[in-house]
Amino acid sequence: MSVSQQISEFIRERFEIGDDPDFNDECHLFNEGFVDSFGAVEIVQFVEQTFNISITQKDIMLYPMNTVNEIAAVVESKL
């Protein structure tokens, strides 16, 4: 399973998105209302634990992480 698939699956399950047709790997998770700021913290914790990486405050400031694909790109750059 790819990095983006694992992240997408986690978000779908954790935030009870299910089969919402508006949810995809390119949608803005926050603007579309799928995830709030507390959810962002959960996503960071998930990727840190799952992929054994560290997402720093600098990463959060430097790289957009608003879509599944953007989050996956940051994760892949750290692997």
PDB file of N, CA and C in Angstrom:
ATOM      1  N   MET A   1       0.856  -1.181   0.000  1.00  0.00           N
ATOM      2  CA  MET A   1       0.000   0.000   0.000  1.00  0.00           C
ATOM      3  C   MET A   1       0.901   1.244   0.000  1.00  0.00           C
ATOM      4  N   SER A   2       0.565   2.208  -0.841  1.00  0.00           N
ATOM      5  CA  SER A   2       1.386   3.413  -0.950  1.00  0.00           C
ATOM      6  C   SER A   2       1.200   4.322   0.272  1.00  0.00           C
ATOM      7  N   VAL A   3       2.112   5.262   0.411  1.00  0.00           N
ATOM      8  CA  VAL A   3       2.030   6.233   1.511  1.00  0.00           C
ATOM      9  C   VAL A   3       0.699   6.978   1.436  1.00  0.00           C
ATOM     10  N   SER A   4       0.351   7.477   0.260  1.00  0.00           N
ATOM     11  CA  SER A   4      -0.900   8.243   0.137  1.00  0.00           C
ATOM     12  C   SER A   4      -2.119   7.373   0.437  1.00  0.00           C
ATOM     13  N   GLN A   5      -2.082   6.107   0.047  1.00  0.00           N
ATOM     14  CA  GLN A   5      -3.204   5.211   0.341  1.00  0.00           C
ATOM     15  C   GLN A   5      -3.359   5.006   1.840  1.00  0.00           C
ATOM     16  N   GLN A   6      -2.236   4.829   2.538  1.00  0.00           N
ATOM     17  CA  GLN A   6      -2.301   4.628   3.989  1.00  0.00           C
ATOM     18  C   GLN A   6      -2.850   5.872   4.686  1.00  0.00           C
ATOM     19  N   ILE A   7      -2.409   7.043   4.250  1.00  0.00           N
ATOM     20  CA  ILE A   7      -2.884   8.296   4.850  1.00  0.00           C
ATOM     21  C   ILE A   7      -4.365   8.485   4.554  1.00  0.00           C
ATOM     22  N   SER A   8      -4.751   8.258   3.321  1.00  0.00           N
ATOM     23  CA  SER A   8      -6.149   8.409   2.922  1.00  0.00           C
ATOM     24  C   SER A   8      -7.047   7.471   3.712  1.00  0.00           C
ATOM     25  N   GLU A   9      -6.624   6.234   3.857  1.00  0.00           N
ATOM     26  CA  GLU A   9      -7.410   5.248   4.600  1.00  0.00           C
ATOM     27  C   GLU A   9      -7.556   5.669   6.068  1.00  0.00           C
ATOM     28  N   PHE A  10      -6.465   6.130   6.671  1.00  0.00           N
ATOM     29  CA  PHE A  10      -6.518   6.595   8.061  1.00  0.00           C
ATOM     30  C   PHE A  10      -7.522   7.749   8.199  1.00  0.00           C
ATOM     31  N   ILE A  11      -7.442   8.725   7.298  1.00  0.00           N
ATOM     32  CA  ILE A  11      -8.330   9.896   7.377  1.00  0.00           C
ATOM     33  C   ILE A  11      -9.784   9.479   7.185  1.00  0.00           C
ATOM     34  N   ARG A  12     -10.044   8.622   6.200  1.00  0.00           N
ATOM     35  CA  ARG A  12     -11.424   8.148   5.963  1.00  0.00           C
ATOM     36  C   ARG A  12     -12.003   7.480   7.208  1.00  0.00           C
ATOM     37  N   GLU A  13     -11.203   6.624   7.842  1.00  0.00           N
ATOM     38  CA  GLU A  13     -11.696   5.891   9.011  1.00  0.00           C
ATOM     39  C   GLU A  13     -11.783   6.792  10.243  1.00  0.00           C
ATOM     40  N   ARG A  14     -10.722   7.514  10.528  1.00  0.00           N
ATOM     41  CA  ARG A  14     -10.647   8.309  11.763  1.00  0.00           C
ATOM     42  C   ARG A  14     -11.679   9.428  11.794  1.00  0.00           C
ATOM     43  N   PHE A  15     -11.912  10.058  10.656  1.00  0.00           N
ATOM     44  CA  PHE A  15     -12.828  11.203  10.614  1.00  0.00           C
ATOM     45  C   PHE A  15     -14.179  10.845  10.000  1.00  0.00           C
ATOM     46  N   GLU A  16     -14.444   9.526   9.928  1.00  0.00           N
ATOM     47  CA  GLU A  16     -15.741   8.994   9.498  1.00  0.00           C
ATOM     48  C   GLU A  16     -16.224   9.606   8.185  1.00  0.00           C
ATOM     49  N   ILE A  17     -15.335   9.624   7.203  1.00  0.00           N
ATOM     50  CA  ILE A  17     -15.663  10.204   5.899  1.00  0.00           C
ATOM     51  C   ILE A  17     -16.383   9.197   5.020  1.00  0.00           C
ATOM     52  N   GLY A  18     -16.018   7.932   5.166  1.00  0.00           N
ATOM     53  CA  GLY A  18     -16.683   6.897   4.378  1.00  0.00           C
ATOM     54  C   GLY A  18     -16.472   7.088   2.892  1.00  0.00           C
ATOM     55  N   ASP A  19     -17.542   6.977   2.131  1.00  0.00           N
ATOM     56  CA  ASP A  19     -17.459   7.053   0.671  1.00  0.00           C
ATOM     57  C   ASP A  19     -17.889   8.418   0.134  1.00  0.00           C
ATOM     58  N   ASP A  20     -17.684   9.473   0.910  1.00  0.00           N
ATOM     59  CA  ASP A  20     -18.055  10.828   0.467  1.00  0.00           C
ATOM     60  C   ASP A  20     -17.404  11.113  -0.886  1.00  0.00           C
ATOM     61  N   PRO A  21     -18.196  11.411  -1.918  1.00  0.00           N
ATOM     62  CA  PRO A  21     -17.633  11.636  -3.259  1.00  0.00           C
ATOM     63  C   PRO A  21     -16.752  12.897  -3.345  1.00  0.00           C
ATOM     64  N   ASP A  22     -16.869  13.803  -2.385  1.00  0.00           N
ATOM     65  CA  ASP A  22     -16.058  15.021  -2.400  1.00  0.00           C
ATOM     66  C   ASP A  22     -14.650  14.792  -1.830  1.00  0.00           C
ATOM     67  N   PHE A  23     -14.446  13.635  -1.181  1.00  0.00           N
ATOM     68  CA  PHE A  23     -13.143  13.347  -0.593  1.00  0.00           C
ATOM     69  C   PHE A  23     -12.262  12.633  -1.607  1.00  0.00           C
ATOM     70  N   ASN A  24     -11.076  13.199  -1.843  1.00  0.00           N
ATOM     71  CA  ASN A  24     -10.072  12.539  -2.685  1.00  0.00           C
ATOM     72  C   ASN A  24      -8.694  13.020  -2.244  1.00  0.00           C
ATOM     73  N   ASP A  25      -7.666  12.511  -2.890  1.00  0.00           N
ATOM     74  CA  ASP A  25      -6.300  12.814  -2.457  1.00  0.00           C
ATOM     75  C   ASP A  25      -5.864  14.242  -2.767  1.00  0.00           C
ATOM     76  N   GLU A  26      -6.671  14.972  -3.530  1.00  0.00           N
ATOM     77  CA  GLU A  26      -6.329  16.356  -3.884  1.00  0.00           C
ATOM     78  C   GLU A  26      -7.220  17.396  -3.196  1.00  0.00           C
ATOM     79  N   CYS A  27      -8.260  16.966  -2.494  1.00  0.00           N
ATOM     80  CA  CYS A  27      -9.145  17.948  -1.862  1.00  0.00           C
ATOM     81  C   CYS A  27      -8.456  18.576  -0.650  1.00  0.00           C
ATOM     82  N   HIS A  28      -8.764  19.834  -0.402  1.00  0.00           N
ATOM     83  CA  HIS A  28      -8.200  20.563   0.745  1.00  0.00           C
ATOM     84  C   HIS A  28      -8.953  20.087   1.989  1.00  0.00           C
ATOM     85  N   LEU A  29      -8.251  19.334   2.829  1.00  0.00           N
ATOM     86  CA  LEU A  29      -8.897  18.683   3.974  1.00  0.00           C
ATOM     87  C   LEU A  29      -9.546  19.666   4.932  1.00  0.00           C
ATOM     88  N   PHE A  30      -8.953  20.848   5.081  1.00  0.00           N
ATOM     89  CA  PHE A  30      -9.430  21.821   6.058  1.00  0.00           C
ATOM     90  C   PHE A  30     -10.511  22.724   5.464  1.00  0.00           C
ATOM     91  N   ASN A  31     -10.275  23.241   4.267  1.00  0.00           N
ATOM     92  CA  ASN A  31     -11.273  24.107   3.629  1.00  0.00           C
ATOM     93  C   ASN A  31     -12.566  23.359   3.325  1.00  0.00           C
ATOM     94  N   GLU A  32     -12.438  22.067   3.027  1.00  0.00           N
ATOM     95  CA  GLU A  32     -13.623  21.261   2.705  1.00  0.00           C
ATOM     96  C   GLU A  32     -14.312  20.733   3.963  1.00  0.00           C
ATOM     97  N   GLY A  33     -13.709  20.948   5.125  1.00  0.00           N
ATOM     98  CA  GLY A  33     -14.347  20.570   6.379  1.00  0.00           C
ATOM     99  C   GLY A  33     -14.186  19.124   6.791  1.00  0.00           C
ATOM    100  N   PHE A  34     -13.279  18.398   6.147  1.00  0.00           N
ATOM    101  CA  PHE A  34     -13.072  16.995   6.529  1.00  0.00           C
ATOM    102  C   PHE A  34     -12.277  16.877   7.824  1.00  0.00           C
ATOM    103  N   VAL A  35     -11.352  17.831   8.056  1.00  0.00           N
ATOM    104  CA  VAL A  35     -10.453  17.766   9.208  1.00  0.00           C
ATOM    105  C   VAL A  35     -10.352  19.154   9.824  1.00  0.00           C
ATOM    106  N   ASP A  36     -10.270  19.221  11.176  1.00  0.00           N
ATOM    107  CA  ASP A  36     -10.049  20.505  11.846  1.00  0.00           C
ATOM    108  C   ASP A  36      -8.628  20.526  12.420  1.00  0.00           C
ATOM    109  N   SER A  37      -8.301  21.553  13.173  1.00  0.00           N
ATOM    110  CA  SER A  37      -6.931  21.687  13.680  1.00  0.00           C
ATOM    111  C   SER A  37      -6.557  20.549  14.628  1.00  0.00           C
ATOM    112  N   PHE A  38      -7.514  20.036  15.393  1.00  0.00           N
ATOM    113  CA  PHE A  38      -7.220  18.896  16.260  1.00  0.00           C
ATOM    114  C   PHE A  38      -6.923  17.659  15.403  1.00  0.00           C
ATOM    115  N   GLY A  39      -7.657  17.537  14.324  1.00  0.00           N
ATOM    116  CA  GLY A  39      -7.432  16.426  13.398  1.00  0.00           C
ATOM    117  C   GLY A  39      -6.061  16.497  12.761  1.00  0.00           C
ATOM    118  N   ALA A  40      -5.589  17.709  12.493  1.00  0.00           N
ATOM    119  CA  ALA A  40      -4.255  17.881  11.906  1.00  0.00           C
ATOM    120  C   ALA A  40      -3.193  17.291  12.821  1.00  0.00           C
ATOM    121  N   VAL A  41      -3.351  17.507  14.113  1.00  0.00           N
ATOM    122  CA  VAL A  41      -2.415  16.951  15.096  1.00  0.00           C
ATOM    123  C   VAL A  41      -2.463  15.423  15.041  1.00  0.00           C
ATOM    124  N   GLU A  42      -3.656  14.855  14.931  1.00  0.00           N
ATOM    125  CA  GLU A  42      -3.794  13.402  14.859  1.00  0.00           C
ATOM    126  C   GLU A  42      -3.136  12.837  13.602  1.00  0.00           C
ATOM    127  N   ILE A  43      -3.271  13.553  12.496  1.00  0.00           N
ATOM    128  CA  ILE A  43      -2.656  13.100  11.244  1.00  0.00           C
ATOM    129  C   ILE A  43      -1.136  13.114  11.376  1.00  0.00           C
ATOM    130  N   VAL A  44      -0.590  14.183  11.956  1.00  0.00           N
ATOM    131  CA  VAL A  44       0.865  14.261  12.159  1.00  0.00           C
ATOM    132  C   VAL A  44       1.325  13.106  13.042  1.00  0.00           C
ATOM    133  N   GLN A  45       0.609  12.848  14.134  1.00  0.00           N
ATOM    134  CA  GLN A  45       0.980  11.736  15.022  1.00  0.00           C
ATOM    135  C   GLN A  45       0.920  10.405  14.278  1.00  0.00           C
ATOM    136  N   PHE A  46      -0.113  10.228  13.464  1.00  0.00           N
ATOM    137  CA  PHE A  46      -0.261   8.992  12.690  1.00  0.00           C
ATOM    138  C   PHE A  46       0.929   8.784  11.757  1.00  0.00           C
ATOM    139  N   VAL A  47       1.280   9.805  10.978  1.00  0.00           N
ATOM    140  CA  VAL A  47       2.381   9.610  10.020  1.00  0.00           C
ATOM    141  C   VAL A  47       3.721   9.440  10.737  1.00  0.00           C
ATOM    142  N   GLU A  48       3.902  10.132  11.854  1.00  0.00           N
ATOM    143  CA  GLU A  48       5.154   9.967  12.604  1.00  0.00           C
ATOM    144  C   GLU A  48       5.296   8.538  13.114  1.00  0.00           C
ATOM    145  N   GLN A  49       4.224   7.988  13.666  1.00  0.00           N
ATOM    146  CA  GLN A  49       4.265   6.631  14.220  1.00  0.00           C
ATOM    147  C   GLN A  49       4.304   5.574  13.121  1.00  0.00           C
ATOM    148  N   THR A  50       3.504   5.756  12.094  1.00  0.00           N
ATOM    149  CA  THR A  50       3.394   4.750  11.037  1.00  0.00           C
ATOM    150  C   THR A  50       4.673   4.639  10.217  1.00  0.00           C
ATOM    151  N   PHE A  51       5.271   5.786   9.913  1.00  0.00           N
ATOM    152  CA  PHE A  51       6.432   5.789   9.019  1.00  0.00           C
ATOM    153  C   PHE A  51       7.750   6.037   9.758  1.00  0.00           C
ATOM    154  N   ASN A  52       7.676   6.116  11.081  1.00  0.00           N
ATOM    155  CA  ASN A  52       8.860   6.304  11.922  1.00  0.00           C
ATOM    156  C   ASN A  52       9.691   7.516  11.468  1.00  0.00           C
ATOM    157  N   ILE A  53       8.998   8.647  11.330  1.00  0.00           N
ATOM    158  CA  ILE A  53       9.641   9.902  10.949  1.00  0.00           C
ATOM    159  C   ILE A  53       9.249  10.977  11.956  1.00  0.00           C
ATOM    160  N   SER A  54       9.849  12.140  11.817  1.00  0.00           N
ATOM    161  CA  SER A  54       9.492  13.274  12.666  1.00  0.00           C
ATOM    162  C   SER A  54       9.063  14.434  11.779  1.00  0.00           C
ATOM    163  N   ILE A  55       7.879  14.966  12.044  1.00  0.00           N
ATOM    164  CA  ILE A  55       7.396  16.167  11.354  1.00  0.00           C
ATOM    165  C   ILE A  55       7.660  17.329  12.305  1.00  0.00           C
ATOM    166  N   THR A  56       8.551  18.210  11.914  1.00  0.00           N
ATOM    167  CA  THR A  56       8.938  19.322  12.785  1.00  0.00           C
ATOM    168  C   THR A  56       8.050  20.538  12.546  1.00  0.00           C
ATOM    169  N   GLN A  57       8.148  21.487  13.454  1.00  0.00           N
ATOM    170  CA  GLN A  57       7.424  22.746  13.278  1.00  0.00           C
ATOM    171  C   GLN A  57       7.890  23.428  11.989  1.00  0.00           C
ATOM    172  N   LYS A  58       9.177  23.313  11.696  1.00  0.00           N
ATOM    173  CA  LYS A  58       9.731  23.892  10.459  1.00  0.00           C
ATOM    174  C   LYS A  58       9.063  23.266   9.232  1.00  0.00           C
ATOM    175  N   ASP A  59       8.878  21.927   9.252  1.00  0.00           N
ATOM    176  CA  ASP A  59       8.202  21.246   8.142  1.00  0.00           C
ATOM    177  C   ASP A  59       6.799  21.814   7.941  1.00  0.00           C
ATOM    178  N   ILE A  60       6.115  22.011   9.052  1.00  0.00           N
ATOM    179  CA  ILE A  60       4.732  22.508   8.986  1.00  0.00           C
ATOM    180  C   ILE A  60       4.697  23.911   8.393  1.00  0.00           C
ATOM    181  N   MET A  61       5.718  24.710   8.695  1.00  0.00           N
ATOM    182  CA  MET A  61       5.776  26.074   8.164  1.00  0.00           C
ATOM    183  C   MET A  61       6.216  26.093   6.691  1.00  0.00           C
ATOM    184  N   LEU A  62       7.126  25.202   6.313  1.00  0.00           N
ATOM    185  CA  LEU A  62       7.710  25.228   4.972  1.00  0.00           C
ATOM    186  C   LEU A  62       6.871  24.538   3.901  1.00  0.00           C
ATOM    187  N   TYR A  63       6.203  23.455   4.272  1.00  0.00           N
ATOM    188  CA  TYR A  63       5.544  22.626   3.265  1.00  0.00           C
ATOM    189  C   TYR A  63       4.039  22.597   3.474  1.00  0.00           C
ATOM    190  N   PRO A  64       3.286  22.829   2.394  1.00  0.00           N
ATOM    191  CA  PRO A  64       1.834  22.708   2.536  1.00  0.00           C
ATOM    192  C   PRO A  64       1.467  21.247   2.807  1.00  0.00           C
ATOM    193  N   MET A  65       0.592  21.054   3.758  1.00  0.00           N
ATOM    194  CA  MET A  65       0.115  19.701   4.071  1.00  0.00           C
ATOM    195  C   MET A  65      -1.399  19.754   4.234  1.00  0.00           C
ATOM    196  N   ASN A  66      -2.050  20.213   3.175  1.00  0.00           N
ATOM    197  CA  ASN A  66      -3.498  20.400   3.212  1.00  0.00           C
ATOM    198  C   ASN A  66      -4.271  19.313   2.478  1.00  0.00           C
ATOM    199  N   THR A  67      -3.568  18.515   1.687  1.00  0.00           N
ATOM    200  CA  THR A  67      -4.213  17.422   0.957  1.00  0.00           C
ATOM    201  C   THR A  67      -3.484  16.126   1.287  1.00  0.00           C
ATOM    202  N   VAL A  68      -4.107  15.014   0.992  1.00  0.00           N
ATOM    203  CA  VAL A  68      -3.464  13.719   1.209  1.00  0.00           C
ATOM    204  C   VAL A  68      -2.156  13.661   0.428  1.00  0.00           C
ATOM    205  N   ASN A  69      -2.179  14.118  -0.834  1.00  0.00           N
ATOM    206  CA  ASN A  69      -0.975  14.054  -1.658  1.00  0.00           C
ATOM    207  C   ASN A  69       0.136  14.946  -1.114  1.00  0.00           C
ATOM    208  N   GLU A  70      -0.200  16.115  -0.589  1.00  0.00           N
ATOM    209  CA  GLU A  70       0.820  16.992  -0.003  1.00  0.00           C
ATOM    210  C   GLU A  70       1.436  16.356   1.245  1.00  0.00           C
ATOM    211  N   ILE A  71       0.596  15.750   2.080  1.00  0.00           N
ATOM    212  CA  ILE A  71       1.102  15.076   3.286  1.00  0.00           C
ATOM    213  C   ILE A  71       2.006  13.914   2.872  1.00  0.00           C
ATOM    214  N   ALA A  72       1.561  13.132   1.894  1.00  0.00           N
ATOM    215  CA  ALA A  72       2.351  11.991   1.426  1.00  0.00           C
ATOM    216  C   ALA A  72       3.696  12.441   0.864  1.00  0.00           C
ATOM    217  N   ALA A  73       3.734  13.563   0.157  1.00  0.00           N
ATOM    218  CA  ALA A  73       4.992  14.065  -0.404  1.00  0.00           C
ATOM    219  C   ALA A  73       5.990  14.407   0.702  1.00  0.00           C
ATOM    220  N   VAL A  74       5.515  15.010   1.778  1.00  0.00           N
ATOM    221  CA  VAL A  74       6.395  15.345   2.911  1.00  0.00           C
ATOM    222  C   VAL A  74       6.904  14.049   3.560  1.00  0.00           C
ATOM    223  N   VAL A  75       6.000  13.097   3.760  1.00  0.00           N
ATOM    224  CA  VAL A  75       6.398  11.818   4.359  1.00  0.00           C
ATOM    225  C   VAL A  75       7.455  11.144   3.486  1.00  0.00           C
ATOM    226  N   GLU A  76       7.190  11.056   2.178  1.00  0.00           N
ATOM    227  CA  GLU A  76       8.120  10.376   1.268  1.00  0.00           C
ATOM    228  C   GLU A  76       9.478  11.063   1.232  1.00  0.00           C
ATOM    229  N   SER A  77       9.507  12.388   1.392  1.00  0.00           N
ATOM    230  CA  SER A  77      10.786  13.103   1.390  1.00  0.00           C
ATOM    231  C   SER A  77      11.618  12.768   2.625  1.00  0.00           C
ATOM    232  N   LYS A  78      10.970  12.268   3.666  1.00  0.00           N
ATOM    233  CA  LYS A  78      11.660  11.958   4.922  1.00  0.00           C
ATOM    234  C   LYS A  78      12.012  10.468   5.037  1.00  0.00           C
ATOM    235  N   LEU A  79      11.507   9.674   4.126  1.00  0.00           N
ATOM    236  CA  LEU A  79      11.779   8.221   4.184  1.00  0.00           C
ATOM    237  C   LEU A  79      13.131   7.895   3.566  1.00  0.00           C
TER     238      LEU A  79
END
